[in-house]
C-alpha atoms as a PDB file:
ATOM      1  CA  MET A   1     -20.535 -26.142 -94.779  1.00  0.00           C
ATOM      2  CA  GLN A   2     -17.940 -29.179 -95.575  1.00  0.00           C
ATOM      3  CA  VAL A   3     -17.761 -32.916 -93.939  1.00  0.00           C
ATOM      4  CA  LEU A   4     -15.000 -34.855 -93.214  1.00  0.00           C
ATOM      5  CA  ILE A   5     -14.759 -38.351 -91.692  1.00  0.00           C
ATOM      6  CA  LEU A   6     -11.070 -39.038 -91.490  1.00  0.00           C
ATOM      7  CA  LYS A   7      -9.657 -42.357 -90.646  1.00  0.00           C
ATOM      8  CA  ARG A   8      -5.758 -42.751 -90.928  1.00  0.00           C
ATOM      9  CA  GLY A   9      -3.545 -45.277 -89.349  1.00  0.00           C
ATOM     10  CA  ALA A  10      -2.472 -44.139 -85.929  1.00  0.00           C
ATOM     11  CA  GLY A  11       1.084 -44.899 -86.248  1.00  0.00           C
ATOM     12  CA  ALA A  12       1.259 -42.352 -89.392  1.00  0.00           C
ATOM     13  CA  ALA A  13      -0.539 -40.025 -87.542  1.00  0.00           C
ATOM     14  CA  LEU A  14       1.489 -40.111 -84.496  1.00  0.00           C
ATOM     15  CA  ALA A  15       4.494 -39.902 -86.552  1.00  0.00           C
ATOM     16  CA  VAL A  16       3.440 -36.856 -88.425  1.00  0.00           C
ATOM     17  CA  LEU A  17       2.339 -35.137 -85.038  1.00  0.00           C
ATOM     18  CA  ALA A  18       5.767 -35.978 -83.536  1.00  0.00           C
ATOM     19  CA  LEU A  19       7.559 -34.306 -86.658  1.00  0.00           C
ATOM     20  CA  LEU A  20       5.622 -31.239 -86.114  1.00  0.00           C
ATOM     21  CA  SER A  21       6.126 -30.835 -82.675  1.00  0.00           C
ATOM     22  CA  ALA A  22       9.841 -31.239 -83.174  1.00  0.00           C
ATOM     23  CA  ALA A  23       9.986 -28.701 -85.793  1.00  0.00           C
ATOM     24  CA  CYS A  24       7.931 -26.104 -83.731  1.00  0.00           C
ATOM     25  CA  SER A  25       9.153 -23.547 -81.056  1.00  0.00           C
ATOM     26  CA  ALA A  26       7.215 -22.446 -78.313  1.00  0.00           C
ATOM     27  CA  ASN A  27       6.453 -18.950 -79.985  1.00  0.00           C
ATOM     28  CA  GLY A  28       5.028 -20.869 -83.094  1.00  0.00           C
ATOM     29  CA  GLY A  29       8.062 -22.087 -85.250  1.00  0.00           C
ATOM     30  CA  PHE A  30       8.027 -24.249 -88.326  1.00  0.00           C
ATOM     31  CA  GLY A  31       5.987 -27.326 -88.820  1.00  0.00           C
ATOM     32  CA  SER A  32       4.491 -29.258 -91.828  1.00  0.00           C
ATOM     33  CA  PRO A  33       1.840 -31.776 -92.578  1.00  0.00           C
ATOM     34  CA  SER A  34       4.201 -33.802 -94.598  1.00  0.00           C
ATOM     35  CA  PRO A  35       6.827 -36.022 -93.477  1.00  0.00           C
ATOM     36  CA  PRO A  36       9.982 -34.674 -94.828  1.00  0.00           C
ATOM     37  CA  VAL A  37      11.493 -38.233 -95.690  1.00  0.00           C
ATOM     38  CA  PRO A  38       9.842 -39.497 -98.837  1.00  0.00           C
ATOM     39  CA  PRO A  39      10.759 -43.170-100.326  1.00  0.00           C
ATOM     40  CA  GLY A  40      13.111 -41.303-102.777  1.00  0.00           C
ATOM     41  CA  GLY A  41      13.249 -38.886-105.399  1.00  0.00           C
ATOM     42  CA  GLN A  42      13.964 -39.142-109.198  1.00  0.00           C
ATOM     43  CA  MET A  43      16.421 -41.745-110.119  1.00  0.00           C
ATOM     44  CA  GLY A  44      16.408 -43.192-106.255  1.00  0.00           C
ATOM     45  CA  GLN A  45      18.220 -40.362-105.000  1.00  0.00           C
ATOM     46  CA  PRO A  46      17.574 -39.459-101.244  1.00  0.00           C
ATOM     47  CA  ALA A  47      15.131 -36.780-100.631  1.00  0.00           C
ATOM     48  CA  TYR A  48      15.452 -34.276 -97.710  1.00  0.00           C
ATOM     49  CA  GLY A  49      18.345 -34.107 -95.651  1.00  0.00           C
ATOM     50  CA  ALA A  50      19.712 -32.038 -98.609  1.00  0.00           C
ATOM     51  CA  SER A  51      17.789 -29.237 -97.507  1.00  0.00           C
ATOM     52  CA  PRO A  52      17.303 -27.912 -93.929  1.00  0.00           C
ATOM     53  CA  THR A  53      14.114 -25.817 -94.839  1.00  0.00           C
ATOM     54  CA  PRO A  54      11.458 -28.178 -95.726  1.00  0.00           C
ATOM     55  CA  PHE A  55       9.093 -26.363 -93.299  1.00  0.00           C
ATOM     56  CA  ALA A  56       9.558 -22.833 -94.388  1.00  0.00           C
ATOM     57  CA  LEU A  57       5.985 -22.226 -95.319  1.00  0.00           C
ATOM     58  CA  SER A  58       4.259 -23.337 -92.455  1.00  0.00           C
ATOM     59  CA  SER A  59       3.241 -21.796 -89.128  1.00  0.00           C
ATOM     60  CA  GLY A  60       2.803 -24.163 -86.381  1.00  0.00           C
ATOM     61  CA  SER A  61       1.722 -24.527 -82.573  1.00  0.00           C
ATOM     62  CA  PRO A  62       3.981 -27.099 -80.343  1.00  0.00           C
ATOM     63  CA  GLY A  63       1.030 -28.072 -78.065  1.00  0.00           C
ATOM     64  CA  PRO A  64       0.853 -27.444 -74.190  1.00  0.00           C
ATOM     65  CA  THR A  65       4.040 -27.529 -72.093  1.00  0.00           C
ATOM     66  CA  SER A  66       2.099 -28.811 -68.944  1.00  0.00           C
ATOM     67  CA  SER A  67       0.012 -31.757 -68.170  1.00  0.00           C
ATOM     68  CA  PRO A  68      -3.680 -31.213 -69.229  1.00  0.00           C
ATOM     69  CA  THR A  69      -6.545 -33.055 -67.577  1.00  0.00           C
ATOM     70  CA  SER A  70      -8.926 -32.368 -70.335  1.00  0.00           C
ATOM     71  CA  VAL A  71      -8.953 -33.022 -74.087  1.00  0.00           C
ATOM     72  CA  TYR A  72      -6.314 -30.823 -75.723  1.00  0.00           C
ATOM     73  CA  LEU A  73      -5.110 -29.831 -78.950  1.00  0.00           C
ATOM     74  CA  SER A  74      -1.559 -31.768 -79.409  1.00  0.00           C
ATOM     75  CA  SER A  75      -0.457 -30.083 -82.313  1.00  0.00           C
ATOM     76  CA  ALA A  76      -1.807 -27.671 -85.232  1.00  0.00           C
ATOM     77  CA  VAL A  77       0.095 -26.435 -88.342  1.00  0.00           C
ATOM     78  CA  VAL A  78      -1.123 -24.068 -90.993  1.00  0.00           C
ATOM     79  CA  ARG A  79       0.298 -23.934 -94.415  1.00  0.00           C
ATOM     80  CA  ALA A  80      -0.678 -22.086 -97.488  1.00  0.00           C
ATOM     81  CA  ALA A  81      -1.609 -24.340-100.622  1.00  0.00           C
ATOM     82  CA  TYR A  82      -2.256 -23.774-104.176  1.00  0.00           C
ATOM     83  CA  ASP A  83      -5.870 -24.043-105.209  1.00  0.00           C
ATOM     84  CA  GLY A  84      -5.768 -26.739-107.758  1.00  0.00           C
ATOM     85  CA  SER A  85      -9.301 -25.815-109.042  1.00  0.00           C
ATOM     86  CA  ALA A  86      -8.426 -22.255-109.747  1.00  0.00           C
ATOM     87  CA  LYS A  87      -8.141 -21.208-113.400  1.00  0.00           C
ATOM     88  CA  ASP A  88      -5.029 -19.521-112.495  1.00  0.00           C
ATOM     89  CA  PRO A  89      -3.450 -20.921-109.385  1.00  0.00           C
ATOM     90  CA  VAL A  90      -0.825 -18.260-109.333  1.00  0.00           C
ATOM     91  CA  LYS A  91      -3.232 -15.270-109.298  1.00  0.00           C
ATOM     92  CA  ALA A  92      -5.826 -17.138-106.800  1.00  0.00           C
ATOM     93  CA  ASN A  93      -5.999 -16.599-103.414  1.00  0.00           C
ATOM     94  CA  ARG A  94      -4.199 -19.495-101.672  1.00  0.00           C
ATOM     95  CA  LEU A  95      -5.845 -21.958 -99.744  1.00  0.00           C
ATOM     96  CA  LEU A  96      -5.349 -22.357 -95.822  1.00  0.00           C
ATOM     97  CA  GLU A  97      -4.260 -26.072 -94.939  1.00  0.00           C
ATOM     98  CA  VAL A  98      -4.912 -26.846 -91.461  1.00  0.00           C
ATOM     99  CA  THR A  99      -3.566 -30.122 -90.121  1.00  0.00           C
ATOM    100  CA  PHE A 100      -4.111 -31.055 -86.418  1.00  0.00           C
ATOM    101  CA  GLY A 101      -4.617 -33.812 -83.772  1.00  0.00           C
ATOM    102  CA  PHE A 102      -5.876 -34.250 -80.207  1.00  0.00           C
ATOM    103  CA  LYS A 103      -4.965 -35.866 -77.077  1.00  0.00           C
ATOM    104  CA  ASN A 104      -7.433 -37.351 -74.447  1.00  0.00           C
ATOM    105  CA  PRO A 105      -6.022 -37.895 -71.136  1.00  0.00           C
ATOM    106  CA  THR A 106      -9.478 -38.814 -69.621  1.00  0.00           C
ATOM    107  CA  ALA A 107     -11.772 -41.762 -69.410  1.00  0.00           C
ATOM    108  CA  ASP A 108     -14.427 -40.193 -71.537  1.00  0.00           C
ATOM    109  CA  PRO A 109     -14.497 -39.928 -75.357  1.00  0.00           C
ATOM    110  CA  ASP A 110     -15.127 -36.785 -77.256  1.00  0.00           C
ATOM    111  CA  ILE A 111     -16.237 -36.102 -80.859  1.00  0.00           C
ATOM    112  CA  LEU A 112     -14.926 -32.846 -82.814  1.00  0.00           C
ATOM    113  CA  ALA A 113     -17.525 -31.408 -84.805  1.00  0.00           C
ATOM    114  CA  THR A 114     -16.244 -28.188 -86.334  1.00  0.00           C
ATOM    115  CA  LEU A 115     -13.227 -26.173 -87.039  1.00  0.00           C
ATOM    116  CA  ASN A 116     -13.605 -22.383 -87.403  1.00  0.00           C
ATOM    117  CA  VAL A 117     -10.703 -20.419 -89.239  1.00  0.00           C
ATOM    118  CA  ALA A 118     -10.562 -16.721 -88.841  1.00  0.00           C
ATOM    119  CA  PRO A 119      -7.844 -14.555 -90.084  1.00  0.00           C
ATOM    120  CA  ASP A 120      -7.040 -11.102 -88.638  1.00  0.00           C
ATOM    121  CA  GLY A 121     -10.170  -8.821 -88.288  1.00  0.00           C
ATOM    122  CA  ASP A 122     -12.681 -11.661 -89.425  1.00  0.00           C
ATOM    123  CA  LYS A 123     -15.006 -12.032 -86.411  1.00  0.00           C
ATOM    124  CA  ILE A 124     -17.113 -14.757 -88.263  1.00  0.00           C
ATOM    125  CA  GLY A 125     -14.458 -16.827 -90.009  1.00  0.00           C
ATOM    126  CA  VAL A 126     -14.719 -19.953 -91.908  1.00  0.00           C
ATOM    127  CA  GLN A 127     -16.637 -23.016 -90.384  1.00  0.00           C
ATOM    128  CA  THR A 128     -16.014 -26.261 -91.529  1.00  0.00           C
ATOM    129  CA  ASN A 129     -17.918 -29.336 -90.260  1.00  0.00           C
ATOM    130  CA  VAL A 130     -15.044 -32.198 -89.294  1.00  0.00           C
ATOM    131  CA  THR A 131     -16.319 -35.563 -87.549  1.00  0.00           C
ATOM    132  CA  LEU A 132     -13.045 -36.531 -85.733  1.00  0.00           C
ATOM    133  CA  GLN A 133     -13.478 -39.255 -83.061  1.00  0.00           C
ATOM    134  CA  ILE A 134     -11.213 -38.364 -79.813  1.00  0.00           C
ATOM    135  CA  PRO A 135     -11.009 -41.879 -77.995  1.00  0.00           C
ATOM    136  CA  PRO A 136     -10.260 -41.893 -73.909  1.00  0.00           C
ATOM    137  CA  ALA A 137      -6.813 -42.253 -73.014  1.00  0.00           C
ATOM    138  CA  LYS A 138      -5.390 -41.988 -76.425  1.00  0.00           C
ATOM    139  CA  SER A 139      -4.531 -39.746 -79.446  1.00  0.00           C
ATOM    140  CA  SER A 140      -7.031 -39.008 -82.046  1.00  0.00           C
ATOM    141  CA  ASP A 141      -6.219 -39.363 -85.941  1.00  0.00           C
ATOM    142  CA  VAL A 142      -4.696 -36.684 -87.891  1.00  0.00           C
ATOM    143  CA  ALA A 143      -7.195 -34.334 -89.727  1.00  0.00           C
ATOM    144  CA  VAL A 144      -6.332 -32.122 -92.713  1.00  0.00           C
ATOM    145  CA  VAL A 145      -8.541 -29.090 -93.572  1.00  0.00           C
ATOM    146  CA  ALA A 146      -8.166 -26.784 -96.339  1.00  0.00           C
ATOM    147  CA  VAL A 147     -10.406 -23.509 -96.520  1.00  0.00           C
ATOM    148  CA  GLY A 148     -10.385 -20.614 -98.495  1.00  0.00           C
ATOM    149  CA  VAL A 149     -10.545 -17.086 -97.096  1.00  0.00           C
ATOM    150  CA  LYS A 150     -11.437 -13.785 -98.713  1.00  0.00           C
ATOM    151  CA  GLN A 151      -8.550 -12.012 -97.247  1.00  0.00           C
ATOM    152  CA  ASP A 152      -5.448 -11.411 -98.884  1.00  0.00           C
ATOM    153  CA  LEU A 153      -2.873 -13.754 -97.180  1.00  0.00           C
ATOM    154  CA  THR A 154      -0.264 -11.308 -97.992  1.00  0.00           C
ATOM    155  CA  LYS A 155      -1.750  -8.880 -95.509  1.00  0.00           C
ATOM    156  CA  ILE A 156      -2.624 -11.472 -92.944  1.00  0.00           C
ATOM    157  CA  LYS A 157      -0.533 -11.621 -89.667  1.00  0.00           C
ATOM    158  CA  HIS A 158      -2.199 -14.073 -87.570  1.00  0.00           C
ATOM    159  CA  ILE A 159      -4.979 -17.118 -87.822  1.00  0.00           C
ATOM    160  CA  SER A 160      -7.209 -17.982 -85.042  1.00  0.00           C
ATOM    161  CA  LEU A 161      -8.376 -21.540 -84.851  1.00  0.00           C
ATOM    162  CA  THR A 162     -11.431 -22.482 -82.955  1.00  0.00           C
ATOM    163  CA  PHE A 163     -12.095 -26.379 -82.334  1.00  0.00           C
ATOM    164  CA  ALA A 164     -15.963 -27.357 -80.941  1.00  0.00           C
ATOM    165  CA  ASN A 165     -17.519 -30.834 -79.929  1.00  0.00           C
ATOM    166  CA  VAL A 166     -20.687 -32.082 -80.937  1.00  0.00           C
ATOM    167  CA  ASP A 167     -22.356 -30.374 -77.688  1.00  0.00           C
ATOM    168  CA  GLY A 168     -20.992 -27.027 -79.316  1.00  0.00           C
ATOM    169  CA  ASP A 169     -18.683 -26.256 -76.516  1.00  0.00           C
ATOM    170  CA  ASP A 170     -14.992 -25.134 -77.394  1.00  0.00           C
ATOM    171  CA  ILE A 171     -12.466 -27.814 -76.736  1.00  0.00           C
ATOM    172  CA  ALA A 172      -9.522 -25.730 -77.976  1.00  0.00           C
ATOM    173  CA  THR A 173      -8.421 -22.584 -79.589  1.00  0.00           C
ATOM    174  CA  THR A 174      -5.125 -21.092 -80.802  1.00  0.00           C
ATOM    175  CA  MET A 175      -3.548 -18.358 -82.655  1.00  0.00           C
ATOM    176  CA  LEU A 176      -1.033 -18.986 -85.144  1.00  0.00           C
ATOM    177  CA  ASP A 177       1.382 -16.708 -87.330  1.00  0.00           C
ATOM    178  CA  ALA A 178       0.169 -16.652 -90.967  1.00  0.00           C
ATOM    179  CA  PRO A 179       2.295 -18.940 -93.224  1.00  0.00           C
ATOM    180  CA  ALA A 180       4.783 -17.442 -95.486  1.00  0.00           C
ATOM    181  CA  LEU A 181       3.761 -17.575 -99.335  1.00  0.00           C
ATOM    182  CA  ASP A 182       7.032 -17.495-101.105  1.00  0.00           C
ATOM    183  CA  LEU A 183       9.411 -20.592-101.663  1.00  0.00           C
ATOM    184  CA  VAL A 184      12.664 -20.641 -99.678  1.00  0.00           C
ATOM    185  CA  PHE A 185      15.673 -21.956-101.538  1.00  0.00           C
ATOM    186  CA  THR A 186      18.785 -23.578 -99.641  1.00  0.00           C
ATOM    187  CA  PRO A 187      22.149 -24.258-101.328  1.00  0.00           C
ATOM    188  CA  LEU A 188      22.955 -27.935-101.070  1.00  0.00           C
ATOM    189  CA  ASP A 189      26.037 -29.293 -99.327  1.00  0.00           C
ATOM    190  CA  ASP A 190      28.957 -29.538-100.928  1.00  0.00           C
ATOM    191  CA  LYS A 191      29.148 -33.527-100.351  1.00  0.00           C
ATOM    192  CA  LYS A 192      26.025 -33.924-102.175  1.00  0.00           C
ATOM    193  CA  PRO A 193      26.717 -35.875-105.270  1.00  0.00           C
ATOM    194  CA  ALA A 194      25.971 -34.125-108.828  1.00  0.00           C
ATOM    195  CA  GLY A 195      22.550 -34.904-110.609  1.00  0.00           C
ATOM    196  CA  ALA A 196      19.614 -33.757-112.435  1.00  0.00           C
ATOM    197  CA  LEU A 197      16.598 -32.159-110.976  1.00  0.00           C
ATOM    198  CA  SER A 198      14.495 -34.257-108.633  1.00  0.00           C
ATOM    199  CA  ILE A 199      11.191 -33.929-107.174  1.00  0.00           C
ATOM    200  CA  VAL A 200      11.611 -35.019-103.411  1.00  0.00           C
ATOM    201  CA  GLY A 201       9.402 -35.271-100.552  1.00  0.00           C
ATOM    202  CA  LEU A 202       6.428 -36.114-102.390  1.00  0.00           C
ATOM    203  CA  ASP A 203       3.458 -37.044-100.137  1.00  0.00           C
ATOM    204  CA  VAL A 204      -0.300 -37.303-101.252  1.00  0.00           C
ATOM    205  CA  THR A 205      -3.026 -37.013 -98.680  1.00  0.00           C
ATOM    206  CA  ARG A 206      -6.697 -37.013 -98.294  1.00  0.00           C
ATOM    207  CA  VAL A 207      -8.168 -33.538 -97.534  1.00  0.00           C
ATOM    208  CA  THR A 208     -11.588 -32.072 -96.958  1.00  0.00           C
ATOM    209  CA  GLY A 209     -12.460 -28.926 -98.980  1.00  0.00           C
ATOM    210  CA  PRO A 210     -12.809 -26.207-100.028  1.00  0.00           C
ATOM    211  CA  GLY A 211     -16.344 -26.541-101.082  1.00  0.00           C
ATOM    212  CA  SER A 212     -18.122 -29.769-101.783  1.00  0.00           C
ATOM    213  CA  GLY A 213     -16.678 -32.900-103.398  1.00  0.00           C
ATOM    214  CA  LEU A 214     -13.591 -35.059-102.836  1.00  0.00           C
ATOM    215  CA  HIS A 215     -10.032 -33.447-102.742  1.00  0.00           C
ATOM    216  CA  TYR A 216      -6.638 -34.328-102.222  1.00  0.00           C
ATOM    217  CA  GLU A 217      -3.409 -32.568-101.584  1.00  0.00           C
ATOM    218  CA  CYS A 218       0.129 -33.129-102.985  1.00  0.00           C
ATOM    219  CA  THR A 219       3.223 -31.793-101.183  1.00  0.00           C
ATOM    220  CA  PHE A 220       6.747 -31.723-102.619  1.00  0.00           C
ATOM    221  CA  GLY A 221      10.044 -30.011-102.967  1.00  0.00           C
ATOM    222  CA  LEU A 222      12.603 -29.739-105.670  1.00  0.00           C
ATOM    223  CA  MET A 223      16.257 -30.309-105.719  1.00  0.00           C
ATOM    224  CA  ASN A 224      18.616 -29.086-108.407  1.00  0.00           C
ATOM    225  CA  ALA A 225      21.868 -31.144-108.009  1.00  0.00           C
ATOM    226  CA  SER A 226      23.148 -29.985-111.211  1.00  0.00           C
ATOM    227  CA  GLY A 227      25.993 -27.248-111.808  1.00  0.00           C
ATOM    228  CA  SER A 228      23.484 -25.081-113.863  1.00  0.00           C
ATOM    229  CA  LYS A 229      19.926 -23.080-113.304  1.00  0.00           C
ATOM    230  CA  VAL A 230      16.840 -25.202-113.987  1.00  0.00           C
ATOM    231  CA  ALA A 231      13.571 -23.497-114.746  1.00  0.00           C
ATOM    232  CA  VAL A 232      10.332 -25.305-114.516  1.00  0.00           C
ATOM    233  CA  ASP A 233       7.378 -23.998-116.339  1.00  0.00           C
ATOM    234  CA  SER A 234       4.692 -26.091-114.885  1.00  0.00           C
ATOM    235  CA  PHE A 235       3.767 -29.411-113.137  1.00  0.00           C
ATOM    236  CA  THR A 236       1.262 -32.157-114.174  1.00  0.00           C
ATOM    237  CA  ILE A 237      -0.391 -34.142-111.215  1.00  0.00           C
ATOM    238  CA  ALA A 238      -1.798 -37.529-112.335  1.00  0.00           C
ATOM    239  CA  PRO A 239      -4.014 -39.716-110.230  1.00  0.00           C
ATOM    240  CA  PRO A 240      -4.112 -43.554-110.884  1.00  0.00           C
ATOM    241  CA  LYS A 241      -7.274 -42.700-112.721  1.00  0.00           C
ATOM    242  CA  GLY A 242      -9.425 -39.528-113.425  1.00  0.00           C
ATOM    243  CA  THR A 243      -8.328 -35.755-114.721  1.00  0.00           C
ATOM    244  CA  VAL A 244      -4.807 -35.145-114.835  1.00  0.00           C
ATOM    245  CA  ALA A 245      -4.047 -31.611-113.514  1.00  0.00           C
ATOM    246  CA  GLN A 246      -1.865 -29.123-115.042  1.00  0.00           C
ATOM    247  CA  MET A 247      -0.536 -26.432-112.783  1.00  0.00           C
ATOM    248  CA  ALA A 248       1.414 -23.513-114.280  1.00  0.00           C
ATOM    249  CA  ILE A 249       3.371 -22.751-111.294  1.00  0.00           C
ATOM    250  CA  PRO A 250       6.994 -21.519-112.479  1.00  0.00           C
ATOM    251  CA  VAL A 251       9.841 -22.243-110.287  1.00  0.00           C
ATOM    252  CA  SER A 252      13.555 -21.090-110.996  1.00  0.00           C
ATOM    253  CA  LEU A 253      16.337 -23.025-109.308  1.00  0.00           C
ATOM    254  CA  ALA A 254      19.777 -21.716-109.226  1.00  0.00           C
ATOM    255  CA  GLU A 255      22.540 -24.554-109.268  1.00  0.00           C
ATOM    256  CA  ARG A 256      22.906 -26.885-106.576  1.00  0.00           C
ATOM    257  CA  THR A 257      19.979 -25.560-104.476  1.00  0.00           C
ATOM    258  CA  SER A 258      16.959 -27.196-103.155  1.00  0.00           C
ATOM    259  CA  SER A 259      13.329 -25.507-102.496  1.00  0.00           C
ATOM    260  CA  SER A 260      11.089 -25.774 -99.412  1.00  0.00           C
ATOM    261  CA  LEU A 261       7.773 -27.903 -99.734  1.00  0.00           C
ATOM    262  CA  MET A 262       4.847 -26.517-101.938  1.00  0.00           C
ATOM    263  CA  THR A 263       1.421 -27.799-101.534  1.00  0.00           C
ATOM    264  CA  PHE A 264      -1.405 -28.295-104.147  1.00  0.00           C
ATOM    265  CA  VAL A 265      -5.322 -28.989-103.100  1.00  0.00           C
ATOM    266  CA  LEU A 266      -6.872 -30.789-106.022  1.00  0.00           C
ATOM    267  CA  PRO A 267     -10.488 -31.902-106.548  1.00  0.00           C
ATOM    268  CA  SER A 268     -11.111 -35.395-107.684  1.00  0.00           C
ATOM    269  CA  ASP A 269     -13.984 -36.020-110.165  1.00  0.00           C
ATOM    270  CA  GLY A 270     -14.692 -39.600-108.675  1.00  0.00           C
ATOM    271  CA  LYS A 271     -17.053 -40.897-106.218  1.00  0.00           C
ATOM    272  CA  SER A 272     -13.962 -42.041-104.092  1.00  0.00           C
ATOM    273  CA  LEU A 273     -10.553 -41.196-104.306  1.00  0.00           C
ATOM    274  CA  PRO A 274      -8.519 -43.685-106.095  1.00  0.00           C
ATOM    275  CA  ALA A 275      -5.586 -45.902-104.384  1.00  0.00           C
ATOM    276  CA  GLY A 276      -2.528 -46.469-105.995  1.00  0.00           C
ATOM    277  CA  LYS A 277       0.167 -44.180-107.335  1.00  0.00           C
ATOM    278  CA  TYR A 278      -0.105 -40.432-108.066  1.00  0.00           C
ATOM    279  CA  THR A 279       2.567 -38.950-110.357  1.00  0.00           C
ATOM    280  CA  VAL A 280       3.926 -35.459-110.307  1.00  0.00           C
ATOM    281  CA  THR A 281       5.991 -34.492-113.422  1.00  0.00           C
ATOM    282  CA  ALA A 282       7.794 -31.113-113.556  1.00  0.00           C
ATOM    283  CA  ILE A 283       7.684 -29.668-117.152  1.00  0.00           C
ATOM    284  CA  SER A 284      10.216 -27.101-118.732  1.00  0.00           C
ATOM    285  CA  GLY A 285       9.899 -26.178-122.570  1.00  0.00           C
ATOM    286  CA  GLY A 286       7.310 -28.858-123.000  1.00  0.00           C
ATOM    287  CA  SER A 287       9.217 -31.514-121.712  1.00  0.00           C
ATOM    288  CA  GLY A 288       9.231 -33.617-118.341  1.00  0.00           C
ATOM    289  CA  ILE A 289      12.555 -33.222-116.721  1.00  0.00           C
ATOM    290  CA  ALA A 290      11.643 -34.783-113.332  1.00  0.00           C
ATOM    291  CA  GLN A 291       9.106 -37.205-112.084  1.00  0.00           C
ATOM    292  CA  ALA A 292       7.984 -38.872-108.743  1.00  0.00           C
ATOM    293  CA  THR A 293       5.504 -41.046-107.674  1.00  0.00           C
ATOM    294  CA  ALA A 294       3.687 -41.654-104.169  1.00  0.00           C
ATOM    295  CA  ASP A 295       0.581 -43.664-102.993  1.00  0.00           C
ATOM    296  CA  LEU A 296      -2.503 -41.942-101.484  1.00  0.00           C
ATOM    297  CA  LEU A 297      -2.203 -41.808 -97.824  1.00  0.00           C
END
């Protein structure tokens, strides 16, 4: 069991859910737990806007189309994430990261207590304890939960999510398409100025799981605005203090190409997640070739 008590700014939460809903279609289109517009990439370059596919590895639900009279799931998105605690994140089974929020049109508060994530054919699923306040006549904060499943994600077609309150009553259920695992690459617009490789869309967020201890996730994409192919061997992800993670995830970008977003879930060895700048560096041939920083949300 994992426990999450999540408190995030209401403004940021609403912005994320609005983005997710706008990016989703009625049959479960695309969404992302991370806003696609970061402060800037390497050398201050503007980030997304150059790539139309930052949400390509997500499966999302746009929420209800009618006007519910009880607590309801306003939006839910599932992404595949690399497990930063695995010895070999490439060979290890990907984590499922779920981002969600609720709206409460009633005058009575409610409290989310558990989330159950069940891939195809799994009658039990993975249950996570989640303490999330759902205030009356308001939206809840946004919660982010990462779970590990035994099934091979390449063979999963659908994922069921069941949310229950402190009384054990199901307050929402939904089924989403399984997220894609492979990066999507998109040619840059001809008007995009030439430049070196940059890390774009970097977002660092508190997340629960998998297992015990504190975790955070880094989500970002890559943009190669040069006229030649660029090969990245690995990434380092450095918190303001604590262990620097070395992620041997090779990525090759053709000339004038951007990638969709990729997500890494990493454990923290401290008693609390350190505030401040988290730094991601792309490594090629032993040298850093692009770098970006972002504050922990």
